Amino acid sequence: MKKFILSPSILSADFSNLSSEIKKIEEVPNSWVHIDVMDGHFVPNLTFGACVVSSLRRKTDLFFDAHLMVDNPENLIEDFANAGTNAITFHVEETHFPLRLIKKIKKYNMKVGVSLNPATPFDALTGILPYVDILLIMSVEPGFSGQSFISFSVDKIKRAVEFREKRNLNYLISVDGGINDKTAESVLNAGADILVTGSFFFKNDFDFVKKFFESLRDK
């Protein structure tokens, strides 16, 4: 049986009925909520602020992972902590002082995640992996939902597993982008612990989606 966390990204949800969309996530065991925060600078789109997270927190006890695709992520930590976020994931490309940022996130008793874009080499973050809880590997370019999975991301997942084992670390490996019924199993077989899925989860028949992830767990 495969053990993994499913983390649907509400970027692909029906914004007019987010409360109902959250209930879908609650129906799938061992699930988180992935919250893509974009500022229109680091990536072109503009999405959620802490006020949306605060509103959603009143609707559910699910684990919230806020994925900050923003310039100056250190400026948002306190607001998202106060809104009820459980984990903050920042991009290694967007901070000159990652250890300082990690310390600030932990100050608010949140889990720490670090992400890297497809073109960013794995070696860019080996120095900080001993201090993080989640490694988020982007398998598409950040900023837009519905993109196709970048196949060489599988090699990066395997590298992350190898590094974790060699250094006796315990971070979870999360993969974000193009996760669907064609790609999810290969990502899990490579060693991923968390599947971030957006369009596939919210844009398809929910019974089909739910049964698909149940079947993955049974393998």
C-alpha atoms as a PDB file:
ATOM      1  CA  MET A   1       0.000   0.000   0.000  1.00  0.00           C
ATOM      2  CA  LYS A   2       1.378   3.417  -0.985  1.00  0.00           C
ATOM      3  CA  LYS A   3       1.384   6.048   1.741  1.00  0.00           C
ATOM      4  CA  PHE A   4       1.212   9.599   0.476  1.00  0.00           C
ATOM      5  CA  ILE A   5      -0.405  12.937   1.206  1.00  0.00           C
ATOM      6  CA  LEU A   6      -2.745  14.392  -1.392  1.00  0.00           C
ATOM      7  CA  SER A   7      -2.595  18.195  -1.507  1.00  0.00           C
ATOM      8  CA  PRO A   8      -5.167  19.662  -3.908  1.00  0.00           C
ATOM      9  CA  SER A   9      -4.363  23.186  -5.036  1.00  0.00           C
ATOM     10  CA  ILE A  10      -7.336  25.483  -4.660  1.00  0.00           C
ATOM     11  CA  LEU A  11      -5.949  27.617  -7.478  1.00  0.00           C
ATOM     12  CA  SER A  12      -7.997  25.279  -9.712  1.00  0.00           C
ATOM     13  CA  ALA A  13     -11.082  25.245  -7.491  1.00  0.00           C
ATOM     14  CA  ASP A  14     -14.366  27.038  -8.078  1.00  0.00           C
ATOM     15  CA  PHE A  15     -13.688  30.370  -6.385  1.00  0.00           C
ATOM     16  CA  SER A  16     -17.404  31.090  -6.133  1.00  0.00           C
ATOM     17  CA  ASN A  17     -17.881  28.057  -3.890  1.00  0.00           C
ATOM     18  CA  LEU A  18     -14.629  27.426  -2.056  1.00  0.00           C
ATOM     19  CA  SER A  19     -16.387  26.071   1.016  1.00  0.00           C
ATOM     20  CA  SER A  20     -17.878  23.259  -1.053  1.00  0.00           C
ATOM     21  CA  GLU A  21     -14.548  22.602  -2.770  1.00  0.00           C
ATOM     22  CA  ILE A  22     -12.853  22.252   0.616  1.00  0.00           C
ATOM     23  CA  LYS A  23     -15.423  19.600   1.569  1.00  0.00           C
ATOM     24  CA  LYS A  24     -14.284  17.537  -1.444  1.00  0.00           C
ATOM     25  CA  ILE A  25     -10.744  17.556  -0.070  1.00  0.00           C
ATOM     26  CA  GLU A  26     -12.042  16.476   3.333  1.00  0.00           C
ATOM     27  CA  GLU A  27     -13.559  13.381   1.702  1.00  0.00           C
ATOM     28  CA  VAL A  28     -10.124  12.104   0.675  1.00  0.00           C
ATOM     29  CA  PRO A  29      -8.154  10.674   3.623  1.00  0.00           C
ATOM     30  CA  ASN A  30      -4.696  12.047   4.450  1.00  0.00           C
ATOM     31  CA  SER A  31      -5.121  15.285   2.508  1.00  0.00           C
ATOM     32  CA  TRP A  32      -3.821  18.827   2.834  1.00  0.00           C
ATOM     33  CA  VAL A  33      -4.881  22.081   1.193  1.00  0.00           C
ATOM     34  CA  HIS A  34      -2.283  23.608  -1.119  1.00  0.00           C
ATOM     35  CA  ILE A  35      -2.678  27.399  -1.316  1.00  0.00           C
ATOM     36  CA  ASP A  36      -0.857  29.059  -4.212  1.00  0.00           C
ATOM     37  CA  VAL A  37      -0.050  32.639  -3.238  1.00  0.00           C
ATOM     38  CA  MET A  38       1.055  34.790  -6.201  1.00  0.00           C
ATOM     39  CA  ASP A  39       1.872  38.480  -6.191  1.00  0.00           C
ATOM     40  CA  GLY A  40       1.994  39.322  -9.908  1.00  0.00           C
ATOM     41  CA  HIS A  41       5.770  39.859  -9.706  1.00  0.00           C
ATOM     42  CA  PHE A  42       7.592  36.578  -9.103  1.00  0.00           C
ATOM     43  CA  VAL A  43       4.930  35.013 -11.349  1.00  0.00           C
ATOM     44  CA  PRO A  44       2.490  36.908 -13.595  1.00  0.00           C
ATOM     45  CA  ASN A  45      -0.730  35.942 -11.841  1.00  0.00           C
ATOM     46  CA  LEU A  46      -2.256  37.460  -8.720  1.00  0.00           C
ATOM     47  CA  THR A  47      -4.151  35.160  -6.355  1.00  0.00           C
ATOM     48  CA  PHE A  48      -4.814  34.823  -2.633  1.00  0.00           C
ATOM     49  CA  GLY A  49      -3.972  36.908   0.391  1.00  0.00           C
ATOM     50  CA  ALA A  50      -3.992  35.991   4.048  1.00  0.00           C
ATOM     51  CA  CYS A  51      -7.622  37.116   4.390  1.00  0.00           C
ATOM     52  CA  VAL A  52      -8.751  34.242   2.148  1.00  0.00           C
ATOM     53  CA  VAL A  53      -6.788  31.787   4.247  1.00  0.00           C
ATOM     54  CA  SER A  54      -8.384  33.184   7.394  1.00  0.00           C
ATOM     55  CA  SER A  55     -11.862  32.711   5.907  1.00  0.00           C
ATOM     56  CA  LEU A  56     -11.110  29.133   4.864  1.00  0.00           C
ATOM     57  CA  ARG A  57      -9.649  28.300   8.263  1.00  0.00           C
ATOM     58  CA  ARG A  58     -13.057  28.852   9.803  1.00  0.00           C
ATOM     59  CA  LYS A  59     -14.462  26.158   7.491  1.00  0.00           C
ATOM     60  CA  THR A  60     -12.031  23.296   8.058  1.00  0.00           C
ATOM     61  CA  ASP A  61      -9.319  21.782  10.240  1.00  0.00           C
ATOM     62  CA  LEU A  62      -7.323  20.532   7.243  1.00  0.00           C
ATOM     63  CA  PHE A  63      -3.586  21.213   7.083  1.00  0.00           C
ATOM     64  CA  PHE A  64      -2.857  24.401   5.070  1.00  0.00           C
ATOM     65  CA  ASP A  65       0.370  24.668   3.088  1.00  0.00           C
ATOM     66  CA  ALA A  66       0.802  28.176   1.681  1.00  0.00           C
ATOM     67  CA  HIS A  67       3.087  28.127  -1.349  1.00  0.00           C
ATOM     68  CA  LEU A  68       4.506  31.650  -1.613  1.00  0.00           C
ATOM     69  CA  MET A  69       5.351  32.482  -5.222  1.00  0.00           C
ATOM     70  CA  VAL A  70       6.137  36.067  -4.321  1.00  0.00           C
ATOM     71  CA  ASP A  71       8.893  38.623  -4.059  1.00  0.00           C
ATOM     72  CA  ASN A  72      10.065  39.282  -0.495  1.00  0.00           C
ATOM     73  CA  PRO A  73       8.296  36.282   1.122  1.00  0.00           C
ATOM     74  CA  GLU A  74       9.611  37.307   4.537  1.00  0.00           C
ATOM     75  CA  ASN A  75       7.071  40.164   4.558  1.00  0.00           C
ATOM     76  CA  LEU A  76       4.099  37.768   4.529  1.00  0.00           C
ATOM     77  CA  ILE A  77       5.043  35.256   7.216  1.00  0.00           C
ATOM     78  CA  GLU A  78       3.308  36.897  10.167  1.00  0.00           C
ATOM     79  CA  ASP A  79       0.051  37.544   8.273  1.00  0.00           C
ATOM     80  CA  PHE A  80      -0.235  33.965   7.053  1.00  0.00           C
ATOM     81  CA  ALA A  81       0.654  32.578  10.456  1.00  0.00           C
ATOM     82  CA  ASN A  82      -2.080  34.650  12.068  1.00  0.00           C
ATOM     83  CA  ALA A  83      -4.525  33.489   9.378  1.00  0.00           C
ATOM     84  CA  GLY A  84      -4.102  29.860  10.425  1.00  0.00           C
ATOM     85  CA  THR A  85      -1.507  28.535   8.008  1.00  0.00           C
ATOM     86  CA  ASN A  86       0.259  25.330   9.064  1.00  0.00           C
ATOM     87  CA  ALA A  87       3.196  25.428   6.637  1.00  0.00           C
ATOM     88  CA  ILE A  88       4.915  28.073   4.554  1.00  0.00           C
ATOM     89  CA  THR A  89       6.738  27.010   1.396  1.00  0.00           C
ATOM     90  CA  PHE A  90       8.985  29.623  -0.183  1.00  0.00           C
ATOM     91  CA  HIS A  91      11.091  29.607  -3.361  1.00  0.00           C
ATOM     92  CA  VAL A  92      14.831  29.362  -3.017  1.00  0.00           C
ATOM     93  CA  GLU A  93      15.075  31.699  -6.024  1.00  0.00           C
ATOM     94  CA  GLU A  94      13.424  34.526  -4.111  1.00  0.00           C
ATOM     95  CA  THR A  95      15.520  34.975  -1.006  1.00  0.00           C
ATOM     96  CA  HIS A  96      19.147  35.847  -0.378  1.00  0.00           C
ATOM     97  CA  PHE A  97      18.938  34.758   3.265  1.00  0.00           C
ATOM     98  CA  PRO A  98      17.063  31.425   3.352  1.00  0.00           C
ATOM     99  CA  LEU A  99      18.235  30.381   6.809  1.00  0.00           C
ATOM    100  CA  ARG A 100      16.982  33.662   8.249  1.00  0.00           C
ATOM    101  CA  LEU A 101      13.614  33.090   6.572  1.00  0.00           C
ATOM    102  CA  ILE A 102      13.431  29.506   7.837  1.00  0.00           C
ATOM    103  CA  LYS A 103      14.071  30.734  11.373  1.00  0.00           C
ATOM    104  CA  LYS A 104      11.286  33.321  11.045  1.00  0.00           C
ATOM    105  CA  ILE A 105       8.760  30.724   9.828  1.00  0.00           C
ATOM    106  CA  LYS A 106       9.635  28.370  12.680  1.00  0.00           C
ATOM    107  CA  LYS A 107       9.225  31.209  15.150  1.00  0.00           C
ATOM    108  CA  TYR A 108       5.490  31.021  14.381  1.00  0.00           C
ATOM    109  CA  ASN A 109       5.420  27.232  14.912  1.00  0.00           C
ATOM    110  CA  MET A 110       4.786  26.468  11.253  1.00  0.00           C
ATOM    111  CA  LYS A 111       6.350  23.784   9.101  1.00  0.00           C
ATOM    112  CA  VAL A 112       8.930  25.051   6.606  1.00  0.00           C
ATOM    113  CA  GLY A 113       8.944  24.161   2.933  1.00  0.00           C
ATOM    114  CA  VAL A 114      11.386  25.194   0.224  1.00  0.00           C
ATOM    115  CA  SER A 115      10.622  25.021  -3.489  1.00  0.00           C
ATOM    116  CA  LEU A 116      12.692  25.149  -6.637  1.00  0.00           C
ATOM    117  CA  ASN A 117      11.663  25.836 -10.230  1.00  0.00           C
ATOM    118  CA  PRO A 118      12.225  23.267 -13.002  1.00  0.00           C
ATOM    119  CA  ALA A 119      15.327  25.045 -14.294  1.00  0.00           C
ATOM    120  CA  THR A 120      16.872  25.473 -10.836  1.00  0.00           C
ATOM    121  CA  PRO A 121      19.414  22.736 -10.065  1.00  0.00           C
ATOM    122  CA  PHE A 122      18.947  20.580  -6.997  1.00  0.00           C
ATOM    123  CA  ASP A 123      22.340  21.689  -5.667  1.00  0.00           C
ATOM    124  CA  ALA A 124      20.940  25.203  -5.138  1.00  0.00           C
ATOM    125  CA  LEU A 125      19.294  24.108  -1.900  1.00  0.00           C
ATOM    126  CA  THR A 126      21.357  21.265  -0.462  1.00  0.00           C
ATOM    127  CA  GLY A 127      22.765  23.628   2.159  1.00  0.00           C
ATOM    128  CA  ILE A 128      19.345  24.314   3.685  1.00  0.00           C
ATOM    129  CA  LEU A 129      17.626  20.920   3.375  1.00  0.00           C
ATOM    130  CA  PRO A 130      18.694  19.856   6.895  1.00  0.00           C
ATOM    131  CA  TYR A 131      16.516  22.686   8.261  1.00  0.00           C
ATOM    132  CA  VAL A 132      13.279  22.202   6.287  1.00  0.00           C
ATOM    133  CA  ASP A 133      10.265  19.925   6.614  1.00  0.00           C
ATOM    134  CA  ILE A 134       9.123  19.906   2.981  1.00  0.00           C
ATOM    135  CA  LEU A 135      10.950  20.019  -0.339  1.00  0.00           C
ATOM    136  CA  LEU A 136       8.588  21.111  -3.108  1.00  0.00           C
ATOM    137  CA  ILE A 137       9.771  20.174  -6.595  1.00  0.00           C
ATOM    138  CA  MET A 138       8.022  22.162  -9.310  1.00  0.00           C
ATOM    139  CA  SER A 139       7.255  19.879 -12.254  1.00  0.00           C
ATOM    140  CA  VAL A 140       5.825  22.784 -14.290  1.00  0.00           C
ATOM    141  CA  GLU A 141       6.769  26.446 -14.493  1.00  0.00           C
ATOM    142  CA  PRO A 142       5.104  28.217 -11.553  1.00  0.00           C
ATOM    143  CA  GLY A 143       2.217  30.584 -12.023  1.00  0.00           C
ATOM    144  CA  PHE A 144      -0.405  28.788 -14.095  1.00  0.00           C
ATOM    145  CA  SER A 145      -2.579  25.728 -13.573  1.00  0.00           C
ATOM    146  CA  GLY A 146      -3.210  23.086 -16.208  1.00  0.00           C
ATOM    147  CA  GLN A 147       0.348  22.737 -17.565  1.00  0.00           C
ATOM    148  CA  SER A 148       1.889  19.446 -18.706  1.00  0.00           C
ATOM    149  CA  PHE A 149       4.266  17.544 -16.446  1.00  0.00           C
ATOM    150  CA  ILE A 150       7.973  18.128 -17.146  1.00  0.00           C
ATOM    151  CA  SER A 151       9.424  14.626 -17.361  1.00  0.00           C
ATOM    152  CA  PHE A 152      12.937  15.382 -16.087  1.00  0.00           C
ATOM    153  CA  SER A 153      11.362  16.266 -12.738  1.00  0.00           C
ATOM    154  CA  VAL A 154      11.421  12.536 -11.972  1.00  0.00           C
ATOM    155  CA  ASP A 155      15.224  12.599 -11.902  1.00  0.00           C
ATOM    156  CA  LYS A 156      15.119  15.500  -9.455  1.00  0.00           C
ATOM    157  CA  ILE A 157      12.766  13.535  -7.188  1.00  0.00           C
ATOM    158  CA  LYS A 158      15.153  10.585  -7.197  1.00  0.00           C
ATOM    159  CA  ARG A 159      18.054  12.908  -6.398  1.00  0.00           C
ATOM    160  CA  ALA A 160      16.096  14.318  -3.449  1.00  0.00           C
ATOM    161  CA  VAL A 161      15.430  10.809  -2.138  1.00  0.00           C
ATOM    162  CA  GLU A 162      19.093   9.848  -2.488  1.00  0.00           C
ATOM    163  CA  PHE A 163      20.257  13.016  -0.712  1.00  0.00           C
ATOM    164  CA  ARG A 164      17.745  12.502   2.124  1.00  0.00           C
ATOM    165  CA  GLU A 165      18.877   8.929   2.706  1.00  0.00           C
ATOM    166  CA  LYS A 166      22.580   9.731   2.463  1.00  0.00           C
ATOM    167  CA  ARG A 167      22.326  12.599   4.985  1.00  0.00           C
ATOM    168  CA  ASN A 168      19.752  10.834   7.190  1.00  0.00           C
ATOM    169  CA  LEU A 169      17.273  13.705   6.824  1.00  0.00           C
ATOM    170  CA  ASN A 170      13.493  13.552   7.145  1.00  0.00           C
ATOM    171  CA  TYR A 171      11.983  16.190   4.854  1.00  0.00           C
ATOM    172  CA  LEU A 172       8.920  15.237   2.830  1.00  0.00           C
ATOM    173  CA  ILE A 173       9.197  15.422  -0.947  1.00  0.00           C
ATOM    174  CA  SER A 174       6.285  17.213  -2.597  1.00  0.00           C
ATOM    175  CA  VAL A 175       5.710  17.475  -6.346  1.00  0.00           C
ATOM    176  CA  ASP A 176       3.608  20.222  -7.923  1.00  0.00           C
ATOM    177  CA  GLY A 177       2.502  20.427 -11.547  1.00  0.00           C
ATOM    178  CA  GLY A 178       0.808  18.186 -14.074  1.00  0.00           C
ATOM    179  CA  ILE A 179      -0.128  15.533 -11.509  1.00  0.00           C
ATOM    180  CA  ASN A 180      -2.959  13.394 -12.891  1.00  0.00           C
ATOM    181  CA  ASP A 181      -3.926   9.797 -13.656  1.00  0.00           C
ATOM    182  CA  LYS A 182      -1.088   9.557 -16.196  1.00  0.00           C
ATOM    183  CA  THR A 183       1.753  10.890 -14.024  1.00  0.00           C
ATOM    184  CA  ALA A 184       0.923  10.317 -10.347  1.00  0.00           C
ATOM    185  CA  GLU A 185       2.120   6.725 -10.094  1.00  0.00           C
ATOM    186  CA  SER A 186       5.526   7.395 -11.653  1.00  0.00           C
ATOM    187  CA  VAL A 187       6.041  10.347  -9.298  1.00  0.00           C
ATOM    188  CA  LEU A 188       5.220   8.170  -6.295  1.00  0.00           C
ATOM    189  CA  ASN A 189       7.464   5.376  -7.550  1.00  0.00           C
ATOM    190  CA  ALA A 190      10.312   7.900  -7.808  1.00  0.00           C
ATOM    191  CA  GLY A 191       9.900   8.627  -4.095  1.00  0.00           C
ATOM    192  CA  ALA A 192       7.458  11.531  -3.684  1.00  0.00           C
ATOM    193  CA  ASP A 193       5.537  11.800  -0.413  1.00  0.00           C
ATOM    194  CA  ILE A 194       3.090  14.578  -1.344  1.00  0.00           C
ATOM    195  CA  LEU A 195       1.131  14.988  -4.575  1.00  0.00           C
ATOM    196  CA  VAL A 196      -0.021  18.521  -5.348  1.00  0.00           C
ATOM    197  CA  THR A 197      -2.830  18.314  -7.871  1.00  0.00           C
ATOM    198  CA  GLY A 198      -5.016  21.097  -9.211  1.00  0.00           C
ATOM    199  CA  SER A 199      -6.901  20.814 -12.485  1.00  0.00           C
ATOM    200  CA  PHE A 200      -7.117  17.023 -12.314  1.00  0.00           C
ATOM    201  CA  PHE A 201      -8.717  17.106  -8.871  1.00  0.00           C
ATOM    202  CA  PHE A 202     -11.182  19.944  -9.373  1.00  0.00           C
ATOM    203  CA  LYS A 203     -12.011  19.803 -13.098  1.00  0.00           C
ATOM    204  CA  ASN A 204     -12.941  16.117 -13.374  1.00  0.00           C
ATOM    205  CA  ASP A 205     -15.813  14.025 -12.048  1.00  0.00           C
ATOM    206  CA  PHE A 206     -15.141  13.845  -8.316  1.00  0.00           C
ATOM    207  CA  ASP A 207     -16.108  10.175  -7.945  1.00  0.00           C
ATOM    208  CA  PHE A 208     -13.570   9.279 -10.631  1.00  0.00           C
ATOM    209  CA  VAL A 209     -10.865  11.369  -8.967  1.00  0.00           C
ATOM    210  CA  LYS A 210     -11.563   9.973  -5.513  1.00  0.00           C
ATOM    211  CA  LYS A 211     -11.512   6.366  -6.752  1.00  0.00           C
ATOM    212  CA  PHE A 212      -8.289   6.976  -8.667  1.00  0.00           C
ATOM    213  CA  PHE A 213      -6.384   8.134  -5.589  1.00  0.00           C
ATOM    214  CA  GLU A 214      -7.910   5.349  -3.521  1.00  0.00           C
ATOM    215  CA  SER A 215      -6.623   2.842  -6.086  1.00  0.00           C
ATOM    216  CA  LEU A 216      -3.144   4.370  -5.889  1.00  0.00           C
ATOM    217  CA  ARG A 217      -3.082   3.887  -2.131  1.00  0.00           C
ATOM    218  CA  ASP A 218      -4.091   0.220  -2.551  1.00  0.00           C
ATOM    219  CA  LYS A 219      -1.184  -0.607  -4.873  1.00  0.00           C
END
